[in-house]
Amino acid sequence: MNITLNGQAHSAAHPVRLSNLVEQLTGRQLNHDGQPADGRRLGIAVAHNSEVVPRKQWATTGINEGDDVEIVTAVQGG
């Protein structure tokens, strides 16, 4: 399945959920509620087809052929 991930073409196994992509990109396992299994802060936000998806919905939001996903990291600074 082909999607756009952070503006780049990306091939993903089907079916895939937002939580799977977050785990791939961060290298960290997530609980069903989107919280990191290690208890540390994750500091990211996810948009699916230009709509921000709440963390609690990552595990239930499926990705389809041609979808656009943006996963952004919060950065502190000034």
PDB file of N, CA and C in Angstrom:
ATOM      1  N   MET A   1       0.850  -1.169   0.000  1.00  0.00           N
ATOM      2  CA  MET A   1       0.000   0.000   0.000  1.00  0.00           C
ATOM      3  C   MET A   1       0.896   1.233   0.000  1.00  0.00           C
ATOM      4  N   ASN A   2       0.539   2.229  -0.798  1.00  0.00           N
ATOM      5  CA  ASN A   2       1.329   3.449  -0.909  1.00  0.00           C
ATOM      6  C   ASN A   2       0.606   4.614  -0.238  1.00  0.00           C
ATOM      7  N   ILE A   3       1.332   5.308   0.640  1.00  0.00           N
ATOM      8  CA  ILE A   3       0.808   6.477   1.329  1.00  0.00           C
ATOM      9  C   ILE A   3       1.848   7.596   1.244  1.00  0.00           C
ATOM     10  N   THR A   4       1.471   8.779   1.692  1.00  0.00           N
ATOM     11  CA  THR A   4       2.428   9.869   1.842  1.00  0.00           C
ATOM     12  C   THR A   4       2.650  10.059   3.338  1.00  0.00           C
ATOM     13  N   LEU A   5       3.891   9.938   3.764  1.00  0.00           N
ATOM     14  CA  LEU A   5       4.249  10.072   5.175  1.00  0.00           C
ATOM     15  C   LEU A   5       5.238  11.216   5.313  1.00  0.00           C
ATOM     16  N   ASN A   6       4.821  12.267   6.001  1.00  0.00           N
ATOM     17  CA  ASN A   6       5.655  13.457   6.186  1.00  0.00           C
ATOM     18  C   ASN A   6       6.169  13.998   4.856  1.00  0.00           C
ATOM     19  N   GLY A   7       5.253  14.018   3.858  1.00  0.00           N
ATOM     20  CA  GLY A   7       5.579  14.595   2.568  1.00  0.00           C
ATOM     21  C   GLY A   7       6.360  13.706   1.622  1.00  0.00           C
ATOM     22  N   GLN A   8       6.652  12.472   2.036  1.00  0.00           N
ATOM     23  CA  GLN A   8       7.431  11.547   1.221  1.00  0.00           C
ATOM     24  C   GLN A   8       6.608  10.301   0.904  1.00  0.00           C
ATOM     25  N   ALA A   9       6.808   9.755  -0.292  1.00  0.00           N
ATOM     26  CA  ALA A   9       6.154   8.494  -0.647  1.00  0.00           C
ATOM     27  C   ALA A   9       6.640   7.414   0.313  1.00  0.00           C
ATOM     28  N   HIS A  10       5.713   6.584   0.769  1.00  0.00           N
ATOM     29  CA  HIS A  10       6.042   5.542   1.748  1.00  0.00           C
ATOM     30  C   HIS A  10       5.210   4.308   1.430  1.00  0.00           C
ATOM     31  N   SER A  11       5.846   3.159   1.470  1.00  0.00           N
ATOM     32  CA  SER A  11       5.155   1.901   1.272  1.00  0.00           C
ATOM     33  C   SER A  11       4.896   1.277   2.642  1.00  0.00           C
ATOM     34  N   ALA A  12       3.666   0.839   2.871  1.00  0.00           N
ATOM     35  CA  ALA A  12       3.301   0.260   4.166  1.00  0.00           C
ATOM     36  C   ALA A  12       2.528  -1.029   3.940  1.00  0.00           C
ATOM     37  N   ALA A  13       2.671  -1.957   4.884  1.00  0.00           N
ATOM     38  CA  ALA A  13       1.885  -3.185   4.837  1.00  0.00           C
ATOM     39  C   ALA A  13       0.423  -2.837   5.078  1.00  0.00           C
ATOM     40  N   HIS A  14      -0.467  -3.642   4.538  1.00  0.00           N
ATOM     41  CA  HIS A  14      -1.899  -3.391   4.731  1.00  0.00           C
ATOM     42  C   HIS A  14      -2.473  -4.548   5.534  1.00  0.00           C
ATOM     43  N   PRO A  15      -3.261  -4.403   6.528  1.00  0.00           N
ATOM     44  CA  PRO A  15      -3.728  -3.129   7.076  1.00  0.00           C
ATOM     45  C   PRO A  15      -2.707  -2.522   8.039  1.00  0.00           C
ATOM     46  N   VAL A  16      -2.776  -1.217   8.176  1.00  0.00           N
ATOM     47  CA  VAL A  16      -1.896  -0.512   9.105  1.00  0.00           C
ATOM     48  C   VAL A  16      -2.720   0.560   9.809  1.00  0.00           C
ATOM     49  N   ARG A  17      -2.341   0.849  11.031  1.00  0.00           N
ATOM     50  CA  ARG A  17      -3.010   1.868  11.836  1.00  0.00           C
ATOM     51  C   ARG A  17      -2.005   2.984  12.136  1.00  0.00           C
ATOM     52  N   LEU A  18      -2.516   4.147  12.530  1.00  0.00           N
ATOM     53  CA  LEU A  18      -1.620   5.260  12.869  1.00  0.00           C
ATOM     54  C   LEU A  18      -0.623   4.849  13.932  1.00  0.00           C
ATOM     55  N   SER A  19      -1.062   4.087  14.922  1.00  0.00           N
ATOM     56  CA  SER A  19      -0.153   3.675  15.992  1.00  0.00           C
ATOM     57  C   SER A  19       1.022   2.867  15.452  1.00  0.00           C
ATOM     58  N   ASN A  20       0.793   2.047  14.408  1.00  0.00           N
ATOM     59  CA  ASN A  20       1.886   1.279  13.806  1.00  0.00           C
ATOM     60  C   ASN A  20       2.940   2.197  13.199  1.00  0.00           C
ATOM     61  N   LEU A  21       2.498   3.256  12.506  1.00  0.00           N
ATOM     62  CA  LEU A  21       3.444   4.193  11.906  1.00  0.00           C
ATOM     63  C   LEU A  21       4.235   4.944  12.969  1.00  0.00           C
ATOM     64  N   VAL A  22       3.557   5.360  14.037  1.00  0.00           N
ATOM     65  CA  VAL A  22       4.244   6.065  15.128  1.00  0.00           C
ATOM     66  C   VAL A  22       5.299   5.150  15.746  1.00  0.00           C
ATOM     67  N   GLU A  23       4.958   3.895  15.977  1.00  0.00           N
ATOM     68  CA  GLU A  23       5.927   2.946  16.543  1.00  0.00           C
ATOM     69  C   GLU A  23       7.116   2.763  15.612  1.00  0.00           C
ATOM     70  N   GLN A  24       6.862   2.677  14.310  1.00  0.00           N
ATOM     71  CA  GLN A  24       7.950   2.535  13.334  1.00  0.00           C
ATOM     72  C   GLN A  24       8.891   3.727  13.373  1.00  0.00           C
ATOM     73  N   LEU A  25       8.320   4.927  13.370  1.00  0.00           N
ATOM     74  CA  LEU A  25       9.144   6.139  13.297  1.00  0.00           C
ATOM     75  C   LEU A  25       9.882   6.446  14.590  1.00  0.00           C
ATOM     76  N   THR A  26       9.267   6.133  15.722  1.00  0.00           N
ATOM     77  CA  THR A  26       9.887   6.464  17.005  1.00  0.00           C
ATOM     78  C   THR A  26      10.699   5.321  17.592  1.00  0.00           C
ATOM     79  N   GLY A  27      10.446   4.107  17.126  1.00  0.00           N
ATOM     80  CA  GLY A  27      11.125   2.938  17.692  1.00  0.00           C
ATOM     81  C   GLY A  27      10.636   2.599  19.094  1.00  0.00           C
ATOM     82  N   ARG A  28       9.445   3.098  19.433  1.00  0.00           N
ATOM     83  CA  ARG A  28       8.910   2.869  20.775  1.00  0.00           C
ATOM     84  C   ARG A  28       7.545   2.200  20.689  1.00  0.00           C
ATOM     85  N   GLN A  29       7.294   1.302  21.614  1.00  0.00           N
ATOM     86  CA  GLN A  29       6.012   0.607  21.663  1.00  0.00           C
ATOM     87  C   GLN A  29       4.969   1.490  22.345  1.00  0.00           C
ATOM     88  N   LEU A  30       3.742   1.458  21.814  1.00  0.00           N
ATOM     89  CA  LEU A  30       2.656   2.246  22.373  1.00  0.00           C
ATOM     90  C   LEU A  30       1.600   1.336  22.994  1.00  0.00           C
ATOM     91  N   ASN A  31       0.983   1.813  24.054  1.00  0.00           N
ATOM     92  CA  ASN A  31      -0.187   1.142  24.612  1.00  0.00           C
ATOM     93  C   ASN A  31      -1.380   1.440  23.711  1.00  0.00           C
ATOM     94  N   HIS A  32      -2.492   0.772  23.957  1.00  0.00           N
ATOM     95  CA  HIS A  32      -3.690   0.951  23.136  1.00  0.00           C
ATOM     96  C   HIS A  32      -4.200   2.397  23.163  1.00  0.00           C
ATOM     97  N   ASP A  33      -3.927   3.123  24.256  1.00  0.00           N
ATOM     98  CA  ASP A  33      -4.387   4.516  24.369  1.00  0.00           C
ATOM     99  C   ASP A  33      -3.416   5.515  23.753  1.00  0.00           C
ATOM    100  N   GLY A  34      -2.355   5.023  23.091  1.00  0.00           N
ATOM    101  CA  GLY A  34      -1.397   5.895  22.427  1.00  0.00           C
ATOM    102  C   GLY A  34      -0.258   6.366  23.305  1.00  0.00           C
ATOM    103  N   GLN A  35      -0.309   6.030  24.582  1.00  0.00           N
ATOM    104  CA  GLN A  35       0.771   6.411  25.490  1.00  0.00           C
ATOM    105  C   GLN A  35       1.938   5.442  25.322  1.00  0.00           C
ATOM    106  N   PRO A  36       3.166   5.927  25.431  1.00  0.00           N
ATOM    107  CA  PRO A  36       4.328   5.056  25.312  1.00  0.00           C
ATOM    108  C   PRO A  36       4.343   4.003  26.427  1.00  0.00           C
ATOM    109  N   ALA A  37       4.656   2.772  26.058  1.00  0.00           N
ATOM    110  CA  ALA A  37       4.693   1.681  27.033  1.00  0.00           C
ATOM    111  C   ALA A  37       5.780   1.885  28.077  1.00  0.00           C
ATOM    112  N   ASP A  38       6.831   2.662  27.738  1.00  0.00           N
ATOM    113  CA  ASP A  38       7.918   2.892  28.683  1.00  0.00           C
ATOM    114  C   ASP A  38       7.609   4.009  29.682  1.00  0.00           C
ATOM    115  N   GLY A  39       6.450   4.674  29.523  1.00  0.00           N
ATOM    116  CA  GLY A  39       6.037   5.714  30.462  1.00  0.00           C
ATOM    117  C   GLY A  39       6.655   7.083  30.231  1.00  0.00           C
ATOM    118  N   ARG A  40       7.613   7.182  29.315  1.00  0.00           N
ATOM    119  CA  ARG A  40       8.229   8.481  29.033  1.00  0.00           C
ATOM    120  C   ARG A  40       7.350   9.283  28.074  1.00  0.00           C
ATOM    121  N   ARG A  41       7.595  10.588  28.017  1.00  0.00           N
ATOM    122  CA  ARG A  41       6.843  11.462  27.105  1.00  0.00           C
ATOM    123  C   ARG A  41       7.190  11.146  25.662  1.00  0.00           C
ATOM    124  N   LEU A  42       6.204  11.284  24.799  1.00  0.00           N
ATOM    125  CA  LEU A  42       6.416  11.009  23.383  1.00  0.00           C
ATOM    126  C   LEU A  42       6.643  12.299  22.601  1.00  0.00           C
ATOM    127  N   GLY A  43       5.886  13.350  22.882  1.00  0.00           N
ATOM    128  CA  GLY A  43       6.109  14.656  22.272  1.00  0.00           C
ATOM    129  C   GLY A  43       5.852  14.724  20.789  1.00  0.00           C
ATOM    130  N   ILE A  44       4.815  14.027  20.299  1.00  0.00           N
ATOM    131  CA  ILE A  44       4.499  14.116  18.882  1.00  0.00           C
ATOM    132  C   ILE A  44       3.004  14.344  18.693  1.00  0.00           C
ATOM    133  N   ALA A  45       2.653  14.799  17.490  1.00  0.00           N
ATOM    134  CA  ALA A  45       1.262  14.946  17.080  1.00  0.00           C
ATOM    135  C   ALA A  45       1.117  14.278  15.721  1.00  0.00           C
ATOM    136  N   VAL A  46      -0.097  13.806  15.435  1.00  0.00           N
ATOM    137  CA  VAL A  46      -0.345  13.092  14.188  1.00  0.00           C
ATOM    138  C   VAL A  46      -1.550  13.699  13.468  1.00  0.00           C
ATOM    139  N   ALA A  47      -1.389  13.937  12.169  1.00  0.00           N
ATOM    140  CA  ALA A  47      -2.504  14.361  11.322  1.00  0.00           C
ATOM    141  C   ALA A  47      -2.707  13.307  10.240  1.00  0.00           C
ATOM    142  N   HIS A  48      -3.961  12.990   9.986  1.00  0.00           N
ATOM    143  CA  HIS A  48      -4.336  12.010   8.963  1.00  0.00           C
ATOM    144  C   HIS A  48      -5.248  12.717   7.975  1.00  0.00           C
ATOM    145  N   ASN A  49      -4.797  12.816   6.733  1.00  0.00           N
ATOM    146  CA  ASN A  49      -5.549  13.541   5.703  1.00  0.00           C
ATOM    147  C   ASN A  49      -5.942  14.938   6.175  1.00  0.00           C
ATOM    148  N   SER A  50      -4.960  15.643   6.734  1.00  0.00           N
ATOM    149  CA  SER A  50      -5.066  17.044   7.176  1.00  0.00           C
ATOM    150  C   SER A  50      -5.921  17.268   8.416  1.00  0.00           C
ATOM    151  N   GLU A  51      -6.282  16.207   9.122  1.00  0.00           N
ATOM    152  CA  GLU A  51      -7.053  16.318  10.362  1.00  0.00           C
ATOM    153  C   GLU A  51      -6.220  15.777  11.521  1.00  0.00           C
ATOM    154  N   VAL A  52      -6.050  16.577  12.573  1.00  0.00           N
ATOM    155  CA  VAL A  52      -5.320  16.114  13.743  1.00  0.00           C
ATOM    156  C   VAL A  52      -6.106  14.971  14.385  1.00  0.00           C
ATOM    157  N   VAL A  53      -5.394  13.900  14.737  1.00  0.00           N
ATOM    158  CA  VAL A  53      -6.024  12.728  15.341  1.00  0.00           C
ATOM    159  C   VAL A  53      -5.606  12.655  16.807  1.00  0.00           C
ATOM    160  N   PRO A  54      -6.572  12.657  17.731  1.00  0.00           N
ATOM    161  CA  PRO A  54      -6.235  12.524  19.148  1.00  0.00           C
ATOM    162  C   PRO A  54      -5.486  11.214  19.413  1.00  0.00           C
ATOM    163  N   ARG A  55      -4.554  11.270  20.321  1.00  0.00           N
ATOM    164  CA  ARG A  55      -3.710  10.119  20.660  1.00  0.00           C
ATOM    165  C   ARG A  55      -4.528   8.855  20.953  1.00  0.00           C
ATOM    166  N   LYS A  56      -5.644   9.002  21.648  1.00  0.00           N
ATOM    167  CA  LYS A  56      -6.461   7.839  22.012  1.00  0.00           C
ATOM    168  C   LYS A  56      -7.075   7.154  20.798  1.00  0.00           C
ATOM    169  N   GLN A  57      -7.053   7.805  19.630  1.00  0.00           N
ATOM    170  CA  GLN A  57      -7.628   7.221  18.423  1.00  0.00           C
ATOM    171  C   GLN A  57      -6.580   6.635  17.481  1.00  0.00           C
ATOM    172  N   TRP A  58      -5.304   6.754  17.805  1.00  0.00           N
ATOM    173  CA  TRP A  58      -4.250   6.253  16.924  1.00  0.00           C
ATOM    174  C   TRP A  58      -4.399   4.764  16.646  1.00  0.00           C
ATOM    175  N   ALA A  59      -4.718   3.968  17.668  1.00  0.00           N
ATOM    176  CA  ALA A  59      -4.789   2.512  17.508  1.00  0.00           C
ATOM    177  C   ALA A  59      -6.013   2.074  16.711  1.00  0.00           C
ATOM    178  N   THR A  60      -7.001   2.941  16.579  1.00  0.00           N
ATOM    179  CA  THR A  60      -8.231   2.572  15.874  1.00  0.00           C
ATOM    180  C   THR A  60      -8.385   3.280  14.538  1.00  0.00           C
ATOM    181  N   THR A  61      -7.432   4.140  14.190  1.00  0.00           N
ATOM    182  CA  THR A  61      -7.508   4.865  12.917  1.00  0.00           C
ATOM    183  C   THR A  61      -6.705   4.129  11.860  1.00  0.00           C
ATOM    184  N   GLY A  62      -7.409   3.565  10.893  1.00  0.00           N
ATOM    185  CA  GLY A  62      -6.767   2.820   9.818  1.00  0.00           C
ATOM    186  C   GLY A  62      -6.247   3.742   8.730  1.00  0.00           C
ATOM    187  N   ILE A  63      -5.228   3.271   8.040  1.00  0.00           N
ATOM    188  CA  ILE A  63      -4.616   3.990   6.927  1.00  0.00           C
ATOM    189  C   ILE A  63      -4.981   3.249   5.643  1.00  0.00           C
ATOM    190  N   ASN A  64      -5.373   4.003   4.629  1.00  0.00           N
ATOM    191  CA  ASN A  64      -5.758   3.418   3.348  1.00  0.00           C
ATOM    192  C   ASN A  64      -4.839   3.907   2.230  1.00  0.00           C
ATOM    193  N   GLU A  65      -4.866   3.195   1.129  1.00  0.00           N
ATOM    194  CA  GLU A  65      -4.086   3.551  -0.059  1.00  0.00           C
ATOM    195  C   GLU A  65      -4.277   5.034  -0.386  1.00  0.00           C
ATOM    196  N   GLY A  66      -3.162   5.749  -0.583  1.00  0.00           N
ATOM    197  CA  GLY A  66      -3.196   7.144  -0.983  1.00  0.00           C
ATOM    198  C   GLY A  66      -3.371   8.150   0.143  1.00  0.00           C
ATOM    199  N   ASP A  67      -3.518   7.676   1.388  1.00  0.00           N
ATOM    200  CA  ASP A  67      -3.692   8.601   2.517  1.00  0.00           C
ATOM    201  C   ASP A  67      -2.432   9.414   2.765  1.00  0.00           C
ATOM    202  N   ASP A  68      -2.642  10.553   3.409  1.00  0.00           N
ATOM    203  CA  ASP A  68      -1.551  11.454   3.779  1.00  0.00           C
ATOM    204  C   ASP A  68      -1.451  11.487   5.300  1.00  0.00           C
ATOM    205  N   VAL A  69      -0.270  11.188   5.816  1.00  0.00           N
ATOM    206  CA  VAL A  69      -0.042  11.189   7.268  1.00  0.00           C
ATOM    207  C   VAL A  69       1.144  12.085   7.586  1.00  0.00           C
ATOM    208  N   GLU A  70       0.951  12.962   8.555  1.00  0.00           N
ATOM    209  CA  GLU A  70       2.035  13.815   9.041  1.00  0.00           C
ATOM    210  C   GLU A  70       2.251  13.482  10.517  1.00  0.00           C
ATOM    211  N   ILE A  71       3.474  13.149  10.864  1.00  0.00           N
ATOM    212  CA  ILE A  71       3.852  12.885  12.250  1.00  0.00           C
ATOM    213  C   ILE A  71       4.931  13.886  12.604  1.00  0.00           C
ATOM    214  N   VAL A  72       4.603  14.799  13.516  1.00  0.00           N
ATOM    215  CA  VAL A  72       5.523  15.886  13.855  1.00  0.00           C
ATOM    216  C   VAL A  72       5.957  15.779  15.312  1.00  0.00           C
ATOM    217  N   THR A  73       7.194  16.189  15.543  1.00  0.00           N
ATOM    218  CA  THR A  73       7.779  16.164  16.875  1.00  0.00           C
ATOM    219  C   THR A  73       7.786  17.572  17.455  1.00  0.00           C
ATOM    220  N   ALA A  74       7.408  17.661  18.706  1.00  0.00           N
ATOM    221  CA  ALA A  74       7.461  18.957  19.408  1.00  0.00           C
ATOM    222  C   ALA A  74       8.924  19.270  19.727  1.00  0.00           C
ATOM    223  N   VAL A  75       9.341  20.494  19.433  1.00  0.00           N
ATOM    224  CA  VAL A  75      10.705  20.924  19.699  1.00  0.00           C
ATOM    225  C   VAL A  75      10.654  22.188  20.538  1.00  0.00           C
ATOM    226  N   GLN A  76      11.415  22.186  21.610  1.00  0.00           N
ATOM    227  CA  GLN A  76      11.460  23.354  22.488  1.00  0.00           C
ATOM    228  C   GLN A  76      12.594  24.259  22.037  1.00  0.00           C
ATOM    229  N   GLY A  77      12.354  25.515  22.109  1.00  0.00           N
ATOM    230  CA  GLY A  77      13.414  26.454  21.727  1.00  0.00           C
ATOM    231  C   GLY A  77      12.840  27.841  21.516  1.00  0.00           C
ATOM    232  N   GLY A  78      13.701  28.726  21.088  1.00  0.00           N
ATOM    233  CA  GLY A  78      13.200  30.083  20.911  1.00  0.00           C
ATOM    234  C   GLY A  78      13.826  30.826  19.821  1.00  0.00           C
TER     235      GLY A  78
END
